[in-house]
Amino acid sequence: MIDTHCHLDYLEDATAALERARGVGLKGFVLPAVGPENFERVRALAHSHPDVGYALGIHPCSVDRLGDGALAMLEDALTAHADDPRLVAVGEIGLDHFVPHLNKSLMEELFHQQLRLARAFELPVILHVRRAQDLVLRGLRRFGIRRGIAHAFNGSFDQARAFTSLGLRLGFGGAMTFSRAHQIHRLASGLPLEDLVLETDSPDITPSWMPKGSANQPSQIPGIADYLARLRSCKTDDIVRVTSSNACASLPKLAALLASH
């Protein structure tokens, strides 16, 4: 099992969380950055553990609090660590039209500049997409992005197919486990399994069985895999096998990292 999206650096004890996750069968983890303030933190954490890859990017919800030069700092970090086998993607990047009062034009420009960097450094992307699926798709097409993961996907079937036609996979996690998440249930059960990957977004998006307000952790991936198996009326082993293969195909440097571990 692979957790394709976990913010380990925001957990109280990342090492203990990783040990718990390994104890229930996880073999790989992806740690996306959210802005220059945690670029070095995520890199250092990844380098402290043999099964953790990281991504560098600027989260769209950071747009109104960015300091001058944030994009240059990202480009400098990508340049400095271009040969790092643990740097698996540019992320977490994207568009968020759910959070009110964010500067949408600045957000879109920042997103496009990060897509330019992903193309220049030949890295996949890890995407944050809320109520902006079509605009994100337009950006992916414009910059020729053909690999990555749309995290916490919650669009339409047509939008899902548009993402997967570009070569991206779709992330499903805790939001899928709630009884009222009817559209996510339809997507998770109706899309080809080859299009899906598992994630937690730790410490956020806790699954339905965790106490409200508690910190999500990668160790919840087996429960998420079981839930997806029930939705699809298939074996959990099949979910684990295929989604892990999908994650490695979406993030080739992660695949190489795990193969060497």
Protein backbone atom coordinates (compact mmCIF):
# COMPACT_ATOMS: atom_id res chain seq x y z
CA MET A 1 0.00 0.00 0.00
CA ILE A 2 1.11 3.54 -0.80
CA ASP A 3 -0.15 6.77 0.71
CA THR A 4 0.22 9.13 -2.25
CA HIS A 5 -0.56 12.30 -0.26
CA CYS A 6 0.33 12.81 3.39
CA HIS A 7 1.61 15.97 5.08
CA LEU A 8 3.79 14.12 7.55
CA ASP A 9 5.56 17.28 8.64
CA TYR A 10 2.32 18.55 10.19
CA LEU A 11 1.90 15.45 12.37
CA GLU A 12 3.02 15.63 15.99
CA ASP A 13 5.36 12.65 15.59
CA ALA A 14 6.00 11.76 11.95
CA THR A 15 8.38 8.90 12.79
CA ALA A 16 5.83 7.21 15.04
CA ALA A 17 3.13 7.69 12.39
CA LEU A 18 5.34 6.05 9.77
CA GLU A 19 6.10 3.14 12.06
CA ARG A 20 2.38 2.57 12.67
CA ALA A 21 1.70 2.71 8.94
CA ARG A 22 4.47 0.26 8.10
CA GLY A 23 3.09 -2.03 10.78
CA VAL A 24 -0.21 -2.30 8.88
CA GLY A 25 1.40 -2.90 5.50
CA LEU A 26 2.30 0.42 3.89
CA LYS A 27 5.43 0.43 1.78
CA GLY A 28 5.58 3.99 0.42
CA PHE A 29 4.63 7.57 1.22
CA VAL A 30 4.54 10.86 -0.71
CA LEU A 31 5.01 14.10 1.21
CA PRO A 32 3.97 17.23 -0.71
CA ALA A 33 5.12 20.71 0.29
CA VAL A 34 2.69 23.61 0.55
CA GLY A 35 5.09 26.54 0.20
CA PRO A 36 8.68 27.76 0.64
CA GLU A 37 8.29 27.65 4.41
CA ASN A 38 8.33 23.86 4.41
CA PHE A 39 10.49 22.99 1.39
CA GLU A 40 13.47 22.02 3.52
CA ARG A 41 11.30 20.41 6.16
CA VAL A 42 9.70 17.95 3.76
CA ARG A 43 13.01 17.21 2.08
CA ALA A 44 14.76 16.53 5.38
CA LEU A 45 11.92 14.30 6.55
CA ALA A 46 11.98 12.29 3.32
CA HIS A 47 15.73 11.82 3.62
CA SER A 48 15.27 10.49 7.15
CA HIS A 49 13.17 7.55 5.92
CA PRO A 50 13.95 5.11 3.10
CA ASP A 51 10.36 4.77 1.86
CA VAL A 52 9.33 8.46 1.68
CA GLY A 53 9.38 10.64 -1.42
CA TYR A 54 8.59 14.33 -1.45
CA ALA A 55 7.22 17.00 -3.78
CA LEU A 56 7.97 20.72 -3.92
CA GLY A 57 5.26 23.23 -4.79
CA ILE A 58 3.12 26.13 -3.62
CA HIS A 59 -0.43 25.36 -2.49
CA PRO A 60 -3.13 27.54 -4.09
CA CYS A 61 -4.54 28.54 -0.71
CA SER A 62 -1.15 30.11 0.10
CA VAL A 63 -1.55 32.70 -2.64
CA ASP A 64 -2.62 35.63 -0.46
CA ARG A 65 0.19 35.21 2.07
CA LEU A 66 3.12 34.58 -0.25
CA GLY A 67 6.17 36.71 0.17
CA ASP A 68 8.04 38.23 -2.73
CA GLY A 69 10.11 35.72 -4.60
CA ALA A 70 8.19 32.55 -3.63
CA LEU A 71 8.14 31.26 -7.19
CA ALA A 72 11.86 31.96 -7.59
CA MET A 73 12.45 30.04 -4.37
CA LEU A 74 10.59 27.07 -5.83
CA GLU A 75 12.60 27.19 -9.05
CA ASP A 76 15.83 27.45 -7.06
CA ALA A 77 14.84 24.46 -4.91
CA LEU A 78 13.89 22.36 -7.93
CA THR A 79 17.20 23.25 -9.56
CA ALA A 80 19.21 22.47 -6.44
CA HIS A 81 17.53 19.09 -5.93
CA ALA A 82 16.90 18.07 -9.55
CA ASP A 83 19.05 14.96 -9.12
CA ASP A 84 17.52 13.98 -5.78
CA PRO A 85 15.94 10.53 -6.23
CA ARG A 86 13.42 11.37 -3.49
CA LEU A 87 12.02 14.43 -5.31
CA VAL A 88 9.14 12.73 -7.11
CA ALA A 89 6.84 15.58 -8.25
CA VAL A 90 5.94 19.25 -8.29
CA GLY A 91 3.21 19.71 -5.72
CA GLU A 92 0.96 20.47 -4.03
CA ILE A 93 -0.18 22.89 -6.73
CA GLY A 94 -3.50 23.75 -8.35
CA LEU A 95 -6.59 25.92 -8.07
CA ASP A 96 -9.11 26.37 -5.26
CA HIS A 97 -12.36 28.19 -6.03
CA PHE A 98 -14.03 26.92 -2.86
CA VAL A 99 -12.18 29.08 -0.33
CA PRO A 100 -13.68 32.60 -0.54
CA HIS A 101 -11.75 35.84 -1.11
CA LEU A 102 -8.58 34.29 -2.54
CA ASN A 103 -7.01 36.18 -5.45
CA LYS A 104 -8.08 33.90 -8.30
CA SER A 105 -6.12 35.63 -11.06
CA LEU A 106 -2.91 35.49 -9.04
CA MET A 107 -3.66 31.89 -8.12
CA GLU A 108 -4.06 30.93 -11.77
CA GLU A 109 -0.84 32.69 -12.76
CA LEU A 110 1.02 30.91 -9.95
CA PHE A 111 -0.45 27.58 -11.06
CA HIS A 112 0.60 28.11 -14.66
CA GLN A 113 4.12 29.08 -13.67
CA GLN A 114 4.40 25.90 -11.60
CA LEU A 115 3.14 23.82 -14.52
CA ARG A 116 5.89 25.45 -16.59
CA LEU A 117 8.42 24.35 -13.98
CA ALA A 118 7.02 20.80 -13.89
CA ARG A 119 7.44 20.56 -17.64
CA ALA A 120 10.94 22.09 -17.54
CA PHE A 121 12.12 19.68 -14.84
CA GLU A 122 10.23 16.73 -16.37
CA LEU A 123 8.37 15.98 -13.16
CA PRO A 124 4.77 14.82 -12.58
CA VAL A 125 2.37 17.07 -10.70
CA ILE A 126 0.36 16.56 -7.51
CA LEU A 127 -2.78 18.64 -7.89
CA HIS A 128 -5.16 20.37 -5.50
CA VAL A 129 -8.46 20.93 -7.33
CA ARG A 130 -11.60 22.36 -5.75
CA ARG A 131 -14.44 23.70 -7.90
CA ALA A 132 -11.92 24.44 -10.64
CA GLN A 133 -11.57 21.16 -12.52
CA ASP A 134 -12.05 22.59 -16.01
CA LEU A 135 -9.56 25.42 -15.43
CA VAL A 136 -6.99 22.97 -14.10
CA LEU A 137 -7.53 20.75 -17.14
CA ARG A 138 -7.02 23.74 -19.42
CA GLY A 139 -3.71 24.45 -17.72
CA LEU A 140 -2.55 20.85 -17.99
CA ARG A 141 -3.30 20.83 -21.71
CA ARG A 142 -1.64 24.20 -22.28
CA PHE A 143 1.62 23.09 -20.67
CA GLY A 144 1.58 19.52 -21.94
CA ILE A 145 1.45 17.81 -18.54
CA ARG A 146 0.94 14.08 -18.98
CA ARG A 147 1.63 12.51 -15.60
CA GLY A 148 0.61 13.03 -11.98
CA ILE A 149 -2.22 12.76 -9.47
CA ALA A 150 -5.35 14.86 -8.95
CA HIS A 151 -5.58 14.65 -5.17
CA ALA A 152 -8.94 14.29 -3.34
CA PHE A 153 -10.84 14.14 -6.61
CA ASN A 154 -14.48 15.24 -6.55
CA GLY A 155 -15.47 16.26 -10.07
CA SER A 156 -17.85 14.80 -12.60
CA PHE A 157 -17.37 11.61 -14.59
CA ASP A 158 -16.57 13.63 -17.70
CA GLN A 159 -13.97 15.65 -15.80
CA ALA A 160 -12.51 12.45 -14.34
CA ARG A 161 -12.16 11.00 -17.83
CA ALA A 162 -10.55 14.22 -19.03
CA PHE A 163 -7.90 13.99 -16.31
CA THR A 164 -7.22 10.33 -16.95
CA SER A 165 -7.09 10.87 -20.72
CA LEU A 166 -4.12 13.16 -20.01
CA GLY A 167 -2.40 10.36 -18.11
CA LEU A 168 -3.20 11.44 -14.56
CA ARG A 169 -4.57 9.29 -11.75
CA LEU A 170 -7.23 10.34 -9.24
CA GLY A 171 -6.72 10.27 -5.48
CA PHE A 172 -9.37 8.89 -3.12
CA GLY A 173 -9.21 8.93 0.67
CA GLY A 174 -11.16 9.80 3.77
CA ALA A 175 -13.89 11.84 2.06
CA MET A 176 -14.97 8.68 0.24
CA THR A 177 -15.84 6.95 3.52
CA PHE A 178 -18.75 9.20 4.49
CA SER A 179 -22.26 7.94 3.83
CA ARG A 180 -23.40 11.19 2.21
CA ALA A 181 -20.47 11.38 -0.23
CA HIS A 182 -22.67 10.04 -3.01
CA GLN A 183 -20.79 11.55 -5.95
CA ILE A 184 -17.43 10.35 -4.65
CA HIS A 185 -18.96 6.89 -4.16
CA ARG A 186 -20.15 6.89 -7.76
CA LEU A 187 -16.73 7.93 -9.01
CA ALA A 188 -14.82 5.48 -6.83
CA SER A 189 -17.04 2.56 -7.81
CA GLY A 190 -17.57 3.44 -11.47
CA LEU A 191 -14.19 4.56 -12.75
CA PRO A 192 -11.64 1.99 -13.92
CA LEU A 193 -9.51 0.85 -10.99
CA GLU A 194 -6.46 1.59 -13.13
CA ASP A 195 -7.29 5.30 -12.74
CA LEU A 196 -7.27 5.38 -8.92
CA VAL A 197 -4.72 5.81 -6.15
CA LEU A 198 -5.10 5.87 -2.36
CA GLU A 199 -4.27 8.78 -0.05
CA THR A 200 -4.98 10.19 3.40
CA ASP A 201 -4.06 13.91 3.22
CA SER A 202 -2.87 13.46 6.81
CA PRO A 203 -3.50 15.15 9.17
CA ASP A 204 -6.64 16.30 7.30
CA ILE A 205 -9.70 14.57 5.74
CA THR A 206 -10.08 11.99 8.49
CA PRO A 207 -12.16 8.94 7.49
CA SER A 208 -15.61 8.46 8.96
CA TRP A 209 -14.52 6.02 11.67
CA MET A 210 -12.05 8.43 13.30
CA PRO A 211 -13.15 10.87 16.01
CA LYS A 212 -14.02 14.29 14.63
CA GLY A 213 -11.11 16.67 15.02
CA SER A 214 -8.48 13.96 15.37
CA ALA A 215 -5.35 13.91 13.22
CA ASN A 216 -5.52 11.61 10.22
CA GLN A 217 -2.53 9.33 9.65
CA PRO A 218 -1.18 7.09 6.87
CA SER A 219 -2.08 4.05 8.99
CA GLN A 220 -5.70 4.64 7.90
CA ILE A 221 -4.91 3.53 4.33
CA PRO A 222 -5.91 -0.13 4.94
CA GLY A 223 -9.36 1.00 6.08
CA ILE A 224 -9.67 3.24 3.03
CA ALA A 225 -8.65 0.33 0.80
CA ASP A 226 -11.25 -1.90 2.47
CA TYR A 227 -13.94 0.74 1.97
CA LEU A 228 -13.07 1.09 -1.71
CA ALA A 229 -13.17 -2.69 -2.11
CA ARG A 230 -16.68 -2.76 -0.63
CA LEU A 231 -17.83 -0.01 -2.98
CA ARG A 232 -16.46 -1.93 -5.95
CA SER A 233 -17.50 -5.41 -4.70
CA CYS A 234 -13.98 -6.72 -5.12
CA LYS A 235 -11.14 -8.00 -2.95
CA THR A 236 -9.06 -5.58 -0.92
CA ASP A 237 -5.94 -7.34 -2.22
CA ASP A 238 -6.90 -6.28 -5.74
CA ILE A 239 -7.36 -2.68 -4.60
CA VAL A 240 -3.95 -2.68 -2.96
CA ARG A 241 -2.17 -4.30 -5.89
CA VAL A 242 -3.63 -2.10 -8.61
CA THR A 243 -3.57 1.23 -6.78
CA SER A 244 0.05 0.67 -5.73
CA SER A 245 0.97 -0.07 -9.33
CA ASN A 246 -0.91 3.06 -10.41
CA ALA A 247 0.97 5.20 -7.88
CA CYS A 248 4.32 3.94 -9.15
CA ALA A 249 3.30 4.56 -12.77
CA SER A 250 2.18 8.09 -11.93
CA LEU A 251 5.37 8.89 -9.99
CA PRO A 252 8.28 7.02 -11.65
CA LYS A 253 10.90 8.30 -9.22
CA LEU A 254 8.81 6.91 -6.35
CA ALA A 255 8.75 3.56 -8.11
CA ALA A 256 12.55 3.62 -8.41
CA LEU A 257 12.91 4.66 -4.78
CA LEU A 258 10.72 1.84 -3.50
CA ALA A 259 12.41 -0.69 -5.78
CA SER A 260 15.77 0.22 -4.28
CA HIS A 261 14.47 0.02 -0.69
